Amino acid sequence: MGVHGGTDETSVVLHRRPDLVDLSLAVRSVPEHLAANRNVRFGGPVSFGWTSDDFGTGGVIGDPTTATPERGRQLWEAMLTAAGDALAEIAAFDPAPPAS
């Protein structure tokens, strides 16, 4: 449940800008009480309105304590590949049907 400041986001920042991360301050802040919900939860089929203050004062909704630069590198490379693939498809996109 890494909605903001969790493992993935922190890992990417550790990879790209490690000078901005002090893992000695990292605290797990996961709203465990939502895990039992089948529908109304992060990633569930029913959306709900929230602000980060609803889940604690630190602004983190996730677990930055498990973040690593290596995980960040893997995520960064996957994001670049996905963005490149999308841009290549956009560049080649033609809404007209092919001529018969």
PDB file of N, CA and C in Angstrom:
ATOM      1  N   MET A   1       0.848  -1.177   0.000  1.00  0.00           N
ATOM      2  CA  MET A   1       0.000   0.000   0.000  1.00  0.00           C
ATOM      3  C   MET A   1       0.892   1.238   0.000  1.00  0.00           C
ATOM      4  N   GLY A   2       1.637   1.417  -1.053  1.00  0.00           N
ATOM      5  CA  GLY A   2       2.535   2.560  -1.150  1.00  0.00           C
ATOM      6  C   GLY A   2       1.903   3.702  -1.910  1.00  0.00           C
ATOM      7  N   VAL A   3       0.976   4.381  -1.299  1.00  0.00           N
ATOM      8  CA  VAL A   3       0.255   5.453  -1.972  1.00  0.00           C
ATOM      9  C   VAL A   3       1.116   6.705  -2.088  1.00  0.00           C
ATOM     10  N   HIS A   4       1.831   7.076  -1.024  1.00  0.00           N
ATOM     11  CA  HIS A   4       2.666   8.277  -1.070  1.00  0.00           C
ATOM     12  C   HIS A   4       3.823   8.147  -0.088  1.00  0.00           C
ATOM     13  N   GLY A   5       5.031   8.177  -0.623  1.00  0.00           N
ATOM     14  CA  GLY A   5       6.208   8.092   0.234  1.00  0.00           C
ATOM     15  C   GLY A   5       6.500   6.684   0.706  1.00  0.00           C
ATOM     16  N   GLY A   6       5.968   5.688   0.003  1.00  0.00           N
ATOM     17  CA  GLY A   6       6.194   4.305   0.382  1.00  0.00           C
ATOM     18  C   GLY A   6       7.450   3.735  -0.273  1.00  0.00           C
ATOM     19  N   THR A   7       7.501   2.427  -0.364  1.00  0.00           N
ATOM     20  CA  THR A   7       8.672   1.728  -0.882  1.00  0.00           C
ATOM     21  C   THR A   7       9.062   2.186  -2.282  1.00  0.00           C
ATOM     22  N   ASP A   8       8.108   2.198  -3.204  1.00  0.00           N
ATOM     23  CA  ASP A   8       8.445   2.488  -4.594  1.00  0.00           C
ATOM     24  C   ASP A   8       8.892   3.931  -4.802  1.00  0.00           C
ATOM     25  N   GLU A   9       8.131   4.890  -4.323  1.00  0.00           N
ATOM     26  CA  GLU A   9       8.514   6.294  -4.507  1.00  0.00           C
ATOM     27  C   GLU A   9       9.854   6.583  -3.845  1.00  0.00           C
ATOM     28  N   THR A  10      10.045   6.089  -2.639  1.00  0.00           N
ATOM     29  CA  THR A  10      11.293   6.331  -1.927  1.00  0.00           C
ATOM     30  C   THR A  10      12.456   5.648  -2.637  1.00  0.00           C
ATOM     31  N   SER A  11      12.223   4.460  -3.182  1.00  0.00           N
ATOM     32  CA  SER A  11      13.271   3.758  -3.924  1.00  0.00           C
ATOM     33  C   SER A  11      13.708   4.540  -5.156  1.00  0.00           C
ATOM     34  N   VAL A  12      12.757   5.099  -5.883  1.00  0.00           N
ATOM     35  CA  VAL A  12      13.107   5.883  -7.067  1.00  0.00           C
ATOM     36  C   VAL A  12      13.925   7.112  -6.676  1.00  0.00           C
ATOM     37  N   VAL A  13      13.527   7.772  -5.603  1.00  0.00           N
ATOM     38  CA  VAL A  13      14.288   8.941  -5.164  1.00  0.00           C
ATOM     39  C   VAL A  13      15.674   8.517  -4.668  1.00  0.00           C
ATOM     40  N   LEU A  14      15.770   7.373  -4.002  1.00  0.00           N
ATOM     41  CA  LEU A  14      17.085   6.867  -3.587  1.00  0.00           C
ATOM     42  C   LEU A  14      17.980   6.612  -4.799  1.00  0.00           C
ATOM     43  N   HIS A  15      17.392   6.149  -5.875  1.00  0.00           N
ATOM     44  CA  HIS A  15      18.156   5.896  -7.097  1.00  0.00           C
ATOM     45  C   HIS A  15      18.566   7.190  -7.786  1.00  0.00           C
ATOM     46  N   ARG A  16      17.637   8.117  -7.921  1.00  0.00           N
ATOM     47  CA  ARG A  16      17.877   9.337  -8.690  1.00  0.00           C
ATOM     48  C   ARG A  16      18.511  10.461  -7.866  1.00  0.00           C
ATOM     49  N   ARG A  17      18.074  10.634  -6.636  1.00  0.00           N
ATOM     50  CA  ARG A  17      18.556  11.742  -5.791  1.00  0.00           C
ATOM     51  C   ARG A  17      18.728  11.281  -4.348  1.00  0.00           C
ATOM     52  N   PRO A  18      19.688  10.408  -4.111  1.00  0.00           N
ATOM     53  CA  PRO A  18      19.858   9.881  -2.747  1.00  0.00           C
ATOM     54  C   PRO A  18      20.129  10.966  -1.715  1.00  0.00           C
ATOM     55  N   ASP A  19      20.614  12.100  -2.158  1.00  0.00           N
ATOM     56  CA  ASP A  19      20.881  13.201  -1.225  1.00  0.00           C
ATOM     57  C   ASP A  19      19.605  13.761  -0.602  1.00  0.00           C
ATOM     58  N   LEU A  20      18.455  13.432  -1.178  1.00  0.00           N
ATOM     59  CA  LEU A  20      17.182  13.929  -0.656  1.00  0.00           C
ATOM     60  C   LEU A  20      16.522  12.977   0.346  1.00  0.00           C
ATOM     61  N   VAL A  21      17.129  11.816   0.569  1.00  0.00           N
ATOM     62  CA  VAL A  21      16.503  10.793   1.416  1.00  0.00           C
ATOM     63  C   VAL A  21      17.348  10.546   2.664  1.00  0.00           C
ATOM     64  N   ASP A  22      16.702  10.579   3.806  1.00  0.00           N
ATOM     65  CA  ASP A  22      17.330  10.211   5.070  1.00  0.00           C
ATOM     66  C   ASP A  22      16.522   9.050   5.641  1.00  0.00           C
ATOM     67  N   LEU A  23      16.959   7.832   5.317  1.00  0.00           N
ATOM     68  CA  LEU A  23      16.205   6.655   5.748  1.00  0.00           C
ATOM     69  C   LEU A  23      16.171   6.483   7.261  1.00  0.00           C
ATOM     70  N   SER A  24      17.027   7.191   7.984  1.00  0.00           N
ATOM     71  CA  SER A  24      16.961   7.106   9.448  1.00  0.00           C
ATOM     72  C   SER A  24      15.666   7.744   9.969  1.00  0.00           C
ATOM     73  N   LEU A  25      15.018   8.553   9.141  1.00  0.00           N
ATOM     74  CA  LEU A  25      13.748   9.175   9.523  1.00  0.00           C
ATOM     75  C   LEU A  25      12.534   8.402   9.012  1.00  0.00           C
ATOM     76  N   ALA A  26      12.787   7.346   8.228  1.00  0.00           N
ATOM     77  CA  ALA A  26      11.685   6.589   7.613  1.00  0.00           C
ATOM     78  C   ALA A  26      10.857   5.865   8.666  1.00  0.00           C
ATOM     79  N   VAL A  27       9.544   5.971   8.518  1.00  0.00           N
ATOM     80  CA  VAL A  27       8.605   5.314   9.427  1.00  0.00           C
ATOM     81  C   VAL A  27       7.513   4.664   8.597  1.00  0.00           C
ATOM     82  N   ARG A  28       7.234   3.415   8.892  1.00  0.00           N
ATOM     83  CA  ARG A  28       6.123   2.714   8.229  1.00  0.00           C
ATOM     84  C   ARG A  28       4.816   3.366   8.662  1.00  0.00           C
ATOM     85  N   SER A  29       4.003   3.726   7.679  1.00  0.00           N
ATOM     86  CA  SER A  29       2.711   4.352   7.972  1.00  0.00           C
ATOM     87  C   SER A  29       1.684   3.801   6.987  1.00  0.00           C
ATOM     88  N   VAL A  30       1.235   2.605   7.279  1.00  0.00           N
ATOM     89  CA  VAL A  30       0.302   1.891   6.406  1.00  0.00           C
ATOM     90  C   VAL A  30      -1.033   1.754   7.130  1.00  0.00           C
ATOM     91  N   PRO A  31      -2.120   2.224   6.508  1.00  0.00           N
ATOM     92  CA  PRO A  31      -3.441   2.076   7.154  1.00  0.00           C
ATOM     93  C   PRO A  31      -3.914   0.618   7.093  1.00  0.00           C
ATOM     94  N   GLU A  32      -3.386  -0.185   8.016  1.00  0.00           N
ATOM     95  CA  GLU A  32      -3.675  -1.622   8.035  1.00  0.00           C
ATOM     96  C   GLU A  32      -5.170  -1.917   8.139  1.00  0.00           C
ATOM     97  N   HIS A  33      -5.908  -0.999   8.768  1.00  0.00           N
ATOM     98  CA  HIS A  33      -7.337  -1.247   8.958  1.00  0.00           C
ATOM     99  C   HIS A  33      -8.096  -1.318   7.631  1.00  0.00           C
ATOM    100  N   LEU A  34      -7.525  -0.807   6.555  1.00  0.00           N
ATOM    101  CA  LEU A  34      -8.195  -0.886   5.250  1.00  0.00           C
ATOM    102  C   LEU A  34      -7.944  -2.219   4.546  1.00  0.00           C
ATOM    103  N   ALA A  35      -6.926  -2.941   4.963  1.00  0.00           N
ATOM    104  CA  ALA A  35      -6.558  -4.184   4.293  1.00  0.00           C
ATOM    105  C   ALA A  35      -7.689  -5.216   4.313  1.00  0.00           C
ATOM    106  N   ALA A  36      -8.503  -5.210   5.339  1.00  0.00           N
ATOM    107  CA  ALA A  36      -9.593  -6.177   5.448  1.00  0.00           C
ATOM    108  C   ALA A  36     -10.775  -5.834   4.537  1.00  0.00           C
ATOM    109  N   ASN A  37     -10.822  -4.590   4.071  1.00  0.00           N
ATOM    110  CA  ASN A  37     -11.922  -4.190   3.181  1.00  0.00           C
ATOM    111  C   ASN A  37     -11.732  -4.809   1.803  1.00  0.00           C
ATOM    112  N   ARG A  38     -12.779  -5.356   1.279  1.00  0.00           N
ATOM    113  CA  ARG A  38     -12.728  -5.942  -0.057  1.00  0.00           C
ATOM    114  C   ARG A  38     -12.938  -4.887  -1.129  1.00  0.00           C
ATOM    115  N   ASN A  39     -13.716  -3.879  -0.843  1.00  0.00           N
ATOM    116  CA  ASN A  39     -14.101  -2.905  -1.858  1.00  0.00           C
ATOM    117  C   ASN A  39     -13.535  -1.508  -1.616  1.00  0.00           C
ATOM    118  N   VAL A  40     -13.766  -0.983  -0.419  1.00  0.00           N
ATOM    119  CA  VAL A  40     -13.352   0.384  -0.115  1.00  0.00           C
ATOM    120  C   VAL A  40     -11.956   0.346   0.500  1.00  0.00           C
ATOM    121  N   ARG A  41     -10.957   0.443  -0.368  1.00  0.00           N
ATOM    122  CA  ARG A  41      -9.555   0.416   0.048  1.00  0.00           C
ATOM    123  C   ARG A  41      -8.725   0.971  -1.096  1.00  0.00           C
ATOM    124  N   PHE A  42      -7.462   1.286  -0.823  1.00  0.00           N
ATOM    125  CA  PHE A  42      -6.580   1.717  -1.896  1.00  0.00           C
ATOM    126  C   PHE A  42      -6.442   0.584  -2.902  1.00  0.00           C
ATOM    127  N   GLY A  43      -6.663   0.883  -4.160  1.00  0.00           N
ATOM    128  CA  GLY A  43      -6.587  -0.132  -5.199  1.00  0.00           C
ATOM    129  C   GLY A  43      -7.838  -0.980  -5.318  1.00  0.00           C
ATOM    130  N   GLY A  44      -8.829  -0.709  -4.499  1.00  0.00           N
ATOM    131  CA  GLY A  44     -10.071  -1.476  -4.549  1.00  0.00           C
ATOM    132  C   GLY A  44     -11.019  -0.914  -5.589  1.00  0.00           C
ATOM    133  N   PRO A  45     -12.118  -1.605  -5.844  1.00  0.00           N
ATOM    134  CA  PRO A  45     -13.058  -1.173  -6.877  1.00  0.00           C
ATOM    135  C   PRO A  45     -13.884   0.063  -6.505  1.00  0.00           C
ATOM    136  N   VAL A  46     -13.917   0.434  -5.219  1.00  0.00           N
ATOM    137  CA  VAL A  46     -14.683   1.600  -4.791  1.00  0.00           C
ATOM    138  C   VAL A  46     -13.713   2.693  -4.346  1.00  0.00           C
ATOM    139  N   SER A  47     -13.747   3.812  -5.038  1.00  0.00           N
ATOM    140  CA  SER A  47     -12.901   4.941  -4.674  1.00  0.00           C
ATOM    141  C   SER A  47     -13.463   5.666  -3.462  1.00  0.00           C
ATOM    142  N   PHE A  48     -12.607   6.364  -2.759  1.00  0.00           N
ATOM    143  CA  PHE A  48     -13.074   7.174  -1.641  1.00  0.00           C
ATOM    144  C   PHE A  48     -12.193   8.412  -1.548  1.00  0.00           C
ATOM    145  N   GLY A  49     -12.778   9.473  -1.055  1.00  0.00           N
ATOM    146  CA  GLY A  49     -12.030  10.716  -0.902  1.00  0.00           C
ATOM    147  C   GLY A  49     -11.187  10.674   0.355  1.00  0.00           C
ATOM    148  N   TRP A  50      -9.992  11.247   0.276  1.00  0.00           N
ATOM    149  CA  TRP A  50      -9.112  11.260   1.433  1.00  0.00           C
ATOM    150  C   TRP A  50      -8.039  12.326   1.254  1.00  0.00           C
ATOM    151  N   THR A  51      -7.442  12.703   2.347  1.00  0.00           N
ATOM    152  CA  THR A  51      -6.225  13.512   2.337  1.00  0.00           C
ATOM    153  C   THR A  51      -5.212  12.749   3.176  1.00  0.00           C
ATOM    154  N   SER A  52      -3.950  13.051   2.986  1.00  0.00           N
ATOM    155  CA  SER A  52      -2.936  12.291   3.722  1.00  0.00           C
ATOM    156  C   SER A  52      -3.087  12.461   5.228  1.00  0.00           C
ATOM    157  N   ASP A  53      -3.633  13.586   5.670  1.00  0.00           N
ATOM    158  CA  ASP A  53      -3.860  13.788   7.109  1.00  0.00           C
ATOM    159  C   ASP A  53      -4.856  12.788   7.693  1.00  0.00           C
ATOM    160  N   ASP A  54      -5.701  12.215   6.838  1.00  0.00           N
ATOM    161  CA  ASP A  54      -6.650  11.212   7.318  1.00  0.00           C
ATOM    162  C   ASP A  54      -5.935   9.974   7.859  1.00  0.00           C
ATOM    163  N   PHE A  55      -4.698   9.761   7.409  1.00  0.00           N
ATOM    164  CA  PHE A  55      -3.980   8.543   7.780  1.00  0.00           C
ATOM    165  C   PHE A  55      -2.757   8.806   8.647  1.00  0.00           C
ATOM    166  N   GLY A  56      -2.573  10.025   9.070  1.00  0.00           N
ATOM    167  CA  GLY A  56      -1.447  10.362   9.931  1.00  0.00           C
ATOM    168  C   GLY A  56      -0.917  11.741   9.586  1.00  0.00           C
ATOM    169  N   THR A  57      -0.101  12.262  10.456  1.00  0.00           N
ATOM    170  CA  THR A  57       0.380  13.633  10.275  1.00  0.00           C
ATOM    171  C   THR A  57       1.648  13.722   9.441  1.00  0.00           C
ATOM    172  N   GLY A  58       2.332  12.615   9.181  1.00  0.00           N
ATOM    173  CA  GLY A  58       3.603  12.646   8.472  1.00  0.00           C
ATOM    174  C   GLY A  58       3.494  12.793   6.966  1.00  0.00           C
ATOM    175  N   GLY A  59       2.320  12.545   6.397  1.00  0.00           N
ATOM    176  CA  GLY A  59       2.152  12.642   4.950  1.00  0.00           C
ATOM    177  C   GLY A  59       2.512  11.377   4.199  1.00  0.00           C
ATOM    178  N   VAL A  60       3.051  10.383   4.888  1.00  0.00           N
ATOM    179  CA  VAL A  60       3.432   9.121   4.254  1.00  0.00           C
ATOM    180  C   VAL A  60       2.285   8.135   4.361  1.00  0.00           C
ATOM    181  N   ILE A  61       1.995   7.484   3.244  1.00  0.00           N
ATOM    182  CA  ILE A  61       1.024   6.386   3.256  1.00  0.00           C
ATOM    183  C   ILE A  61       1.713   5.229   2.541  1.00  0.00           C
ATOM    184  N   GLY A  62       2.459   4.472   3.297  1.00  0.00           N
ATOM    185  CA  GLY A  62       3.247   3.385   2.747  1.00  0.00           C
ATOM    186  C   GLY A  62       4.371   3.032   3.703  1.00  0.00           C
ATOM    187  N   ASP A  63       5.351   2.300   3.182  1.00  0.00           N
ATOM    188  CA  ASP A  63       6.456   1.852   4.019  1.00  0.00           C
ATOM    189  C   ASP A  63       7.790   2.185   3.360  1.00  0.00           C
ATOM    190  N   PRO A  64       8.345   3.356   3.642  1.00  0.00           N
ATOM    191  CA  PRO A  64       9.618   3.725   3.044  1.00  0.00           C
ATOM    192  C   PRO A  64      10.802   2.951   3.631  1.00  0.00           C
ATOM    193  N   THR A  65      10.589   2.239   4.728  1.00  0.00           N
ATOM    194  CA  THR A  65      11.698   1.550   5.395  1.00  0.00           C
ATOM    195  C   THR A  65      12.257   0.402   4.555  1.00  0.00           C
ATOM    196  N   THR A  66      11.524  -0.059   3.578  1.00  0.00           N
ATOM    197  CA  THR A  66      11.977  -1.178   2.737  1.00  0.00           C
ATOM    198  C   THR A  66      12.530  -0.696   1.391  1.00  0.00           C
ATOM    199  N   ALA A  67      12.658   0.605   1.209  1.00  0.00           N
ATOM    200  CA  ALA A  67      13.138   1.169  -0.052  1.00  0.00           C
ATOM    201  C   ALA A  67      14.620   0.892  -0.255  1.00  0.00           C
ATOM    202  N   THR A  68      14.993   0.657  -1.517  1.00  0.00           N
ATOM    203  CA  THR A  68      16.408   0.464  -1.866  1.00  0.00           C
ATOM    204  C   THR A  68      16.707   1.169  -3.190  1.00  0.00           C
ATOM    205  N   PRO A  69      17.957   1.606  -3.363  1.00  0.00           N
ATOM    206  CA  PRO A  69      18.333   2.207  -4.642  1.00  0.00           C
ATOM    207  C   PRO A  69      18.190   1.224  -5.803  1.00  0.00           C
ATOM    208  N   GLU A  70      18.457  -0.051  -5.553  1.00  0.00           N
ATOM    209  CA  GLU A  70      18.337  -1.061  -6.625  1.00  0.00           C
ATOM    210  C   GLU A  70      16.886  -1.186  -7.088  1.00  0.00           C
ATOM    211  N   ARG A  71      15.959  -1.221  -6.151  1.00  0.00           N
ATOM    212  CA  ARG A  71      14.525  -1.251  -6.518  1.00  0.00           C
ATOM    213  C   ARG A  71      14.189   0.010  -7.304  1.00  0.00           C
ATOM    214  N   GLY A  72      14.714   1.134  -6.888  1.00  0.00           N
ATOM    215  CA  GLY A  72      14.488   2.383  -7.602  1.00  0.00           C
ATOM    216  C   GLY A  72      15.029   2.341  -9.014  1.00  0.00           C
ATOM    217  N   ARG A  73      16.218   1.750  -9.199  1.00  0.00           N
ATOM    218  CA  ARG A  73      16.792   1.626 -10.545  1.00  0.00           C
ATOM    219  C   ARG A  73      15.894   0.781 -11.438  1.00  0.00           C
ATOM    220  N   GLN A  74      15.413  -0.341 -10.905  1.00  0.00           N
ATOM    221  CA  GLN A  74      14.532  -1.219 -11.678  1.00  0.00           C
ATOM    222  C   GLN A  74      13.245  -0.490 -12.067  1.00  0.00           C
ATOM    223  N   LEU A  75      12.650   0.206 -11.110  1.00  0.00           N
ATOM    224  CA  LEU A  75      11.418   0.957 -11.392  1.00  0.00           C
ATOM    225  C   LEU A  75      11.674   2.065 -12.405  1.00  0.00           C
ATOM    226  N   TRP A  76      12.781   2.792 -12.252  1.00  0.00           N
ATOM    227  CA  TRP A  76      13.125   3.894 -13.152  1.00  0.00           C
ATOM    228  C   TRP A  76      13.287   3.374 -14.579  1.00  0.00           C
ATOM    229  N   GLU A  77      14.036   2.294 -14.740  1.00  0.00           N
ATOM    230  CA  GLU A  77      14.245   1.728 -16.072  1.00  0.00           C
ATOM    231  C   GLU A  77      12.933   1.247 -16.691  1.00  0.00           C
ATOM    232  N   ALA A  78      12.065   0.649 -15.880  1.00  0.00           N
ATOM    233  CA  ALA A  78      10.768   0.199 -16.380  1.00  0.00           C
ATOM    234  C   ALA A  78       9.904   1.388 -16.802  1.00  0.00           C
ATOM    235  N   MET A  79       9.955   2.484 -16.027  1.00  0.00           N
ATOM    236  CA  MET A  79       9.191   3.686 -16.386  1.00  0.00           C
ATOM    237  C   MET A  79       9.703   4.292 -17.687  1.00  0.00           C
ATOM    238  N   LEU A  80      11.025   4.341 -17.850  1.00  0.00           N
ATOM    239  CA  LEU A  80      11.590   4.882 -19.093  1.00  0.00           C
ATOM    240  C   LEU A  80      11.205   4.029 -20.292  1.00  0.00           C
ATOM    241  N   THR A  81      11.248   2.721 -20.126  1.00  0.00           N
ATOM    242  CA  THR A  81      10.852   1.818 -21.210  1.00  0.00           C
ATOM    243  C   THR A  81       9.383   2.024 -21.569  1.00  0.00           C
ATOM    244  N   ALA A  82       8.524   2.090 -20.554  1.00  0.00           N
ATOM    245  CA  ALA A  82       7.089   2.290 -20.802  1.00  0.00           C
ATOM    246  C   ALA A  82       6.836   3.629 -21.473  1.00  0.00           C
ATOM    247  N   ALA A  83       7.517   4.675 -21.017  1.00  0.00           N
ATOM    248  CA  ALA A  83       7.327   5.994 -21.631  1.00  0.00           C
ATOM    249  C   ALA A  83       7.826   5.995 -23.067  1.00  0.00           C
ATOM    250  N   GLY A  84       8.965   5.372 -23.318  1.00  0.00           N
ATOM    251  CA  GLY A  84       9.492   5.287 -24.682  1.00  0.00           C
ATOM    252  C   GLY A  84       8.568   4.526 -25.602  1.00  0.00           C
ATOM    253  N   ASP A  85       8.036   3.405 -25.127  1.00  0.00           N
ATOM    254  CA  ASP A  85       7.080   2.622 -25.926  1.00  0.00           C
ATOM    255  C   ASP A  85       5.838   3.442 -26.245  1.00  0.00           C
ATOM    256  N   ALA A  86       5.327   4.154 -25.242  1.00  0.00           N
ATOM    257  CA  ALA A  86       4.124   4.975 -25.451  1.00  0.00           C
ATOM    258  C   ALA A  86       4.404   6.093 -26.444  1.00  0.00           C
ATOM    259  N   LEU A  87       5.547   6.761 -26.315  1.00  0.00           N
ATOM    260  CA  LEU A  87       5.877   7.852 -27.237  1.00  0.00           C
ATOM    261  C   LEU A  87       6.080   7.345 -28.660  1.00  0.00           C
ATOM    262  N   ALA A  88       6.689   6.180 -28.811  1.00  0.00           N
ATOM    263  CA  ALA A  88       6.866   5.605 -30.147  1.00  0.00           C
ATOM    264  C   ALA A  88       5.513   5.305 -30.782  1.00  0.00           C
ATOM    265  N   GLU A  89       4.594   4.786 -29.978  1.00  0.00           N
ATOM    266  CA  GLU A  89       3.256   4.498 -30.501  1.00  0.00           C
ATOM    267  C   GLU A  89       2.516   5.785 -30.847  1.00  0.00           C
ATOM    268  N   ILE A  90       2.659   6.793 -30.014  1.00  0.00           N
ATOM    269  CA  ILE A  90       2.028   8.092 -30.287  1.00  0.00           C
ATOM    270  C   ILE A  90       2.575   8.673 -31.588  1.00  0.00           C
ATOM    271  N   ALA A  91       3.891   8.595 -31.782  1.00  0.00           N
ATOM    272  CA  ALA A  91       4.524   9.153 -32.976  1.00  0.00           C
ATOM    273  C   ALA A  91       4.046   8.447 -34.246  1.00  0.00           C
ATOM    274  N   ALA A  92       3.740   7.170 -34.137  1.00  0.00           N
ATOM    275  CA  ALA A  92       3.325   6.399 -35.314  1.00  0.00           C
ATOM    276  C   ALA A  92       1.807   6.362 -35.482  1.00  0.00           C
ATOM    277  N   PHE A  93       1.084   6.914 -34.530  1.00  0.00           N
ATOM    278  CA  PHE A  93      -0.382   6.810 -34.533  1.00  0.00           C
ATOM    279  C   PHE A  93      -1.001   7.523 -35.727  1.00  0.00           C
ATOM    280  N   ASP A  94      -1.913   6.832 -36.359  1.00  0.00           N
ATOM    281  CA  ASP A  94      -2.686   7.396 -37.462  1.00  0.00           C
ATOM    282  C   ASP A  94      -4.124   6.939 -37.271  1.00  0.00           C
ATOM    283  N   PRO A  95      -5.036   7.858 -37.004  1.00  0.00           N
ATOM    284  CA  PRO A  95      -6.418   7.449 -36.732  1.00  0.00           C
ATOM    285  C   PRO A  95      -7.151   6.929 -37.979  1.00  0.00           C
ATOM    286  N   ALA A  96      -6.616   7.205 -39.151  1.00  0.00           N
ATOM    287  CA  ALA A  96      -7.291   6.737 -40.379  1.00  0.00           C
ATOM    288  C   ALA A  96      -7.064   5.234 -40.547  1.00  0.00           C
ATOM    289  N   PRO A  97      -8.099   4.534 -40.988  1.00  0.00           N
ATOM    290  CA  PRO A  97      -7.920   3.096 -41.236  1.00  0.00           C
ATOM    291  C   PRO A  97      -6.945   2.883 -42.391  1.00  0.00           C
ATOM    292  N   PRO A  98      -6.237   1.772 -42.370  1.00  0.00           N
ATOM    293  CA  PRO A  98      -5.297   1.518 -43.455  1.00  0.00           C
ATOM    294  C   PRO A  98      -6.035   1.383 -44.807  1.00  0.00           C
ATOM    295  N   ALA A  99      -5.379   1.821 -45.849  1.00  0.00           N
ATOM    296  CA  ALA A  99      -5.983   1.704 -47.194  1.00  0.00           C
ATOM    297  C   ALA A  99      -6.059   0.249 -47.575  1.00  0.00           C
ATOM    298  N   SER A 100      -7.154  -0.120 -48.243  1.00  0.00           N
ATOM    299  CA  SER A 100      -7.296  -1.521 -48.647  1.00  0.00           C
ATOM    300  C   SER A 100      -6.693  -1.766 -49.999  1.00  0.00           C
TER     301      SER A 100
END
